[in-house]
C-alpha atoms as a PDB file:
ATOM      1  CA  MET A   1     110.743 -11.198 -21.885  1.00  0.00           C
ATOM      2  CA  GLU A   2     108.336  -9.935 -18.944  1.00  0.00           C
ATOM      3  CA  GLN A   3     105.398  -8.779 -20.965  1.00  0.00           C
ATOM      4  CA  GLU A   4     104.332  -5.100 -20.790  1.00  0.00           C
ATOM      5  CA  SER A   5     101.917  -3.963 -18.217  1.00  0.00           C
ATOM      6  CA  LYS A   6      99.081  -2.305 -19.562  1.00  0.00           C
ATOM      7  CA  LEU A   7      95.076  -1.836 -19.363  1.00  0.00           C
ATOM      8  CA  TYR A   8      93.269  -1.966 -22.379  1.00  0.00           C
ATOM      9  CA  ILE A   9      89.763  -0.987 -21.008  1.00  0.00           C
ATOM     10  CA  SER A  10      87.823   1.838 -21.109  1.00  0.00           C
ATOM     11  CA  ALA A  11      88.584   3.795 -18.095  1.00  0.00           C
ATOM     12  CA  SER A  12      84.682   4.475 -17.224  1.00  0.00           C
ATOM     13  CA  ILE A  13      85.026   1.268 -16.422  1.00  0.00           C
ATOM     14  CA  ALA A  14      88.607   0.923 -14.394  1.00  0.00           C
ATOM     15  CA  ASP A  15      87.494   3.707 -12.447  1.00  0.00           C
ATOM     16  CA  ARG A  16      85.339   1.560 -10.751  1.00  0.00           C
ATOM     17  CA  LEU A  17      87.030  -1.534 -10.301  1.00  0.00           C
ATOM     18  CA  PRO A  18      89.184  -2.874  -6.784  1.00  0.00           C
ATOM     19  CA  SER A  19      92.773  -1.962  -7.286  1.00  0.00           C
ATOM     20  CA  MET A  20      93.934  -5.466  -7.044  1.00  0.00           C
ATOM     21  CA  VAL A  21      92.231  -6.692  -9.871  1.00  0.00           C
ATOM     22  CA  LYS A  22      93.279  -3.525 -12.487  1.00  0.00           C
ATOM     23  CA  ASN A  23      96.597  -4.796 -10.951  1.00  0.00           C
ATOM     24  CA  GLU A  24      96.057  -8.076 -12.744  1.00  0.00           C
ATOM     25  CA  LEU A  25      93.870  -7.475 -15.566  1.00  0.00           C
ATOM     26  CA  ALA A  26      97.535  -5.022 -16.520  1.00  0.00           C
ATOM     27  CA  LYS A  27      99.331  -8.316 -16.575  1.00  0.00           C
ATOM     28  CA  LEU A  28      96.865 -10.015 -19.186  1.00  0.00           C
ATOM     29  CA  PRO A  29      96.595  -9.831 -22.730  1.00  0.00           C
ATOM     30  CA  ALA A  30      93.813  -6.561 -24.408  1.00  0.00           C
ATOM     31  CA  GLN A  31      91.705 -10.149 -25.311  1.00  0.00           C
ATOM     32  CA  LYS A  32      91.547 -11.727 -22.189  1.00  0.00           C
ATOM     33  CA  GLN A  33      90.252  -8.392 -21.129  1.00  0.00           C
ATOM     34  CA  GLU A  34      88.235  -7.712 -23.142  1.00  0.00           C
ATOM     35  CA  GLU A  35      87.005 -11.498 -22.056  1.00  0.00           C
ATOM     36  CA  PHE A  36      86.829  -9.665 -18.759  1.00  0.00           C
ATOM     37  CA  VAL A  37      85.049  -6.389 -19.585  1.00  0.00           C
ATOM     38  CA  GLU A  38      82.285  -8.378 -21.040  1.00  0.00           C
ATOM     39  CA  GLU A  39      81.706 -10.724 -18.412  1.00  0.00           C
ATOM     40  CA  TYR A  40      81.591  -7.537 -16.195  1.00  0.00           C
ATOM     41  CA  LYS A  41      79.420  -5.698 -17.635  1.00  0.00           C
ATOM     42  CA  ARG A  42      76.987  -8.612 -18.137  1.00  0.00           C
ATOM     43  CA  LYS A  43      77.123  -9.200 -14.165  1.00  0.00           C
ATOM     44  CA  ALA A  44      77.644  -5.517 -12.878  1.00  0.00           C
ATOM     45  CA  LYS A  45      74.446  -3.954 -11.472  1.00  0.00           C
ATOM     46  CA  SER A  46      72.941  -0.494 -11.848  1.00  0.00           C
ATOM     47  CA  VAL A  47      72.463   2.138  -8.976  1.00  0.00           C
ATOM     48  CA  GLY A  48      69.365   3.873 -11.569  1.00  0.00           C
ATOM     49  CA  ILE A  49      67.914   0.537 -11.526  1.00  0.00           C
ATOM     50  CA  ALA A  50      68.633  -0.181  -8.388  1.00  0.00           C
ATOM     51  CA  TYR A  51      67.274   2.735  -6.978  1.00  0.00           C
ATOM     52  CA  LEU A  52      64.177   1.492  -9.242  1.00  0.00           C
ATOM     53  CA  PHE A  53      63.797  -1.541  -7.551  1.00  0.00           C
ATOM     54  CA  LEU A  54      63.326  -0.158  -4.148  1.00  0.00           C
ATOM     55  CA  ILE A  55      61.262   2.506  -4.864  1.00  0.00           C
ATOM     56  CA  VAL A  56      59.175   1.493  -7.479  1.00  0.00           C
ATOM     57  CA  ILE A  57      59.068  -2.329  -7.954  1.00  0.00           C
ATOM     58  CA  LEU A  58      58.191  -3.921  -4.629  1.00  0.00           C
ATOM     59  CA  ALA A  59      61.230  -3.111  -2.468  1.00  0.00           C
ATOM     60  CA  MET A  60      63.235  -5.373  -4.101  1.00  0.00           C
ATOM     61  CA  HIS A  61      66.941  -4.012  -3.909  1.00  0.00           C
ATOM     62  CA  TYR A  62      67.919  -6.963  -2.062  1.00  0.00           C
ATOM     63  CA  GLY A  63      66.976  -9.466  -4.602  1.00  0.00           C
ATOM     64  CA  TYR A  64      68.256  -7.122  -7.123  1.00  0.00           C
ATOM     65  CA  LEU A  65      71.670  -7.413  -5.392  1.00  0.00           C
ATOM     66  CA  ARG A  66      71.413 -11.309  -5.057  1.00  0.00           C
ATOM     67  CA  LYS A  67      70.696 -10.790  -1.213  1.00  0.00           C
ATOM     68  CA  TRP A  68      67.746 -12.724  -0.865  1.00  0.00           C
ATOM     69  CA  GLY A  69      67.970 -13.506   2.308  1.00  0.00           C
ATOM     70  CA  LEU A  70      67.961  -9.422   3.581  1.00  0.00           C
ATOM     71  CA  GLN A  71      64.712  -9.389   1.058  1.00  0.00           C
ATOM     72  CA  ILE A  72      62.787 -11.488   2.686  1.00  0.00           C
ATOM     73  CA  VAL A  73      64.041 -10.092   6.161  1.00  0.00           C
ATOM     74  CA  PHE A  74      63.156  -6.708   4.748  1.00  0.00           C
ATOM     75  CA  TRP A  75      59.811  -7.451   2.738  1.00  0.00           C
ATOM     76  CA  LEU A  76      58.267  -9.624   6.546  1.00  0.00           C
ATOM     77  CA  THR A  77      59.392  -6.464   8.405  1.00  0.00           C
ATOM     78  CA  GLY A  78      58.027  -3.459   6.431  1.00  0.00           C
ATOM     79  CA  GLY A  79      60.933  -2.567   5.612  1.00  0.00           C
ATOM     80  CA  GLY A  80      61.838  -1.861   8.911  1.00  0.00           C
ATOM     81  CA  PHE A  81      58.670  -0.270   9.773  1.00  0.00           C
ATOM     82  CA  PHE A  82      59.834   1.855   6.453  1.00  0.00           C
ATOM     83  CA  ILE A  83      62.999   3.325   8.611  1.00  0.00           C
ATOM     84  CA  TRP A  84      65.126   0.333   7.165  1.00  0.00           C
ATOM     85  CA  TRP A  85      63.331   0.904   3.479  1.00  0.00           C
ATOM     86  CA  LEU A  86      64.587   5.189   4.141  1.00  0.00           C
ATOM     87  CA  ILE A  87      67.901   4.521   5.299  1.00  0.00           C
ATOM     88  CA  ASP A  88      68.575   2.729   2.114  1.00  0.00           C
ATOM     89  CA  LEU A  89      67.313   5.152   0.183  1.00  0.00           C
ATOM     90  CA  PHE A  90      71.199   6.627   0.775  1.00  0.00           C
ATOM     91  CA  ARG A  91      73.319   3.019   1.251  1.00  0.00           C
ATOM     92  CA  LEU A  92      71.770   1.993  -1.851  1.00  0.00           C
ATOM     93  CA  PRO A  93      74.785   3.423  -3.956  1.00  0.00           C
ATOM     94  CA  GLY A  94      77.097   1.556  -1.355  1.00  0.00           C
ATOM     95  CA  LEU A  95      75.063  -1.751  -1.846  1.00  0.00           C
ATOM     96  CA  VAL A  96      75.638  -1.730  -5.497  1.00  0.00           C
ATOM     97  CA  LYS A  97      79.203  -0.918  -5.661  1.00  0.00           C
ATOM     98  CA  ASN A  98      80.327  -3.429  -2.808  1.00  0.00           C
ATOM     99  CA  TYR A  99      78.653  -5.796  -5.415  1.00  0.00           C
ATOM    100  CA  ASN A 100      80.149  -4.675  -7.952  1.00  0.00           C
ATOM    101  CA  LYS A 101      83.385  -4.891  -6.698  1.00  0.00           C
ATOM    102  CA  ASP A 102      83.004  -8.823  -5.335  1.00  0.00           C
ATOM    103  CA  ILE A 103      81.639  -8.998  -9.295  1.00  0.00           C
ATOM    104  CA  ALA A 104      84.949  -8.021 -10.541  1.00  0.00           C
ATOM    105  CA  ILE A 105      87.203 -10.075  -8.248  1.00  0.00           C
ATOM    106  CA  ASP A 106      85.213 -13.441  -9.276  1.00  0.00           C
ATOM    107  CA  THR A 107      85.675 -12.607 -12.693  1.00  0.00           C
ATOM    108  CA  MET A 108      88.780 -12.512 -12.568  1.00  0.00           C
ATOM    109  CA  ARG A 109      89.131 -14.957 -10.210  1.00  0.00           C
ATOM    110  CA  ASN A 110      87.304 -17.212 -12.972  1.00  0.00           C
ATOM    111  CA  LEU A 111      89.500 -15.837 -15.580  1.00  0.00           C
ATOM    112  CA  LYS A 112      92.564 -17.127 -14.183  1.00  0.00           C
ATOM    113  CA  ALA A 113      91.388 -20.122 -13.495  1.00  0.00           C
ATOM    114  CA  MET A 114      89.977 -20.718 -17.784  1.00  0.00           C
ATOM    115  CA  SER A 115      93.888 -19.401 -18.651  1.00  0.00           C
ATOM    116  CA  SER A 116      95.516 -21.753 -16.038  1.00  0.00           C
END
């Protein structure tokens, strides 16, 4: 008998996940979905904190997103002579969204690997 596909996670989190991850999550029991959510929340990054790093804390937004190569280049060029820094003011939400998407996919992959 096939298990019913249902998401047991909050809509606010489900809305941030790629459809592939949501489809795979729906196949898992509620306990496994909760494990996924805990791990995802632990690793996901916040746009607000990323802006804090960009504006206040030494323009460390790429470091916050674990892109240390870009972070070093950003520092060495003085934020692309300030132009790169200005562009990142608008790009930052997308950068965080992509980072969190990758985290969701990795977390799902790891959860499925541990379940096997």
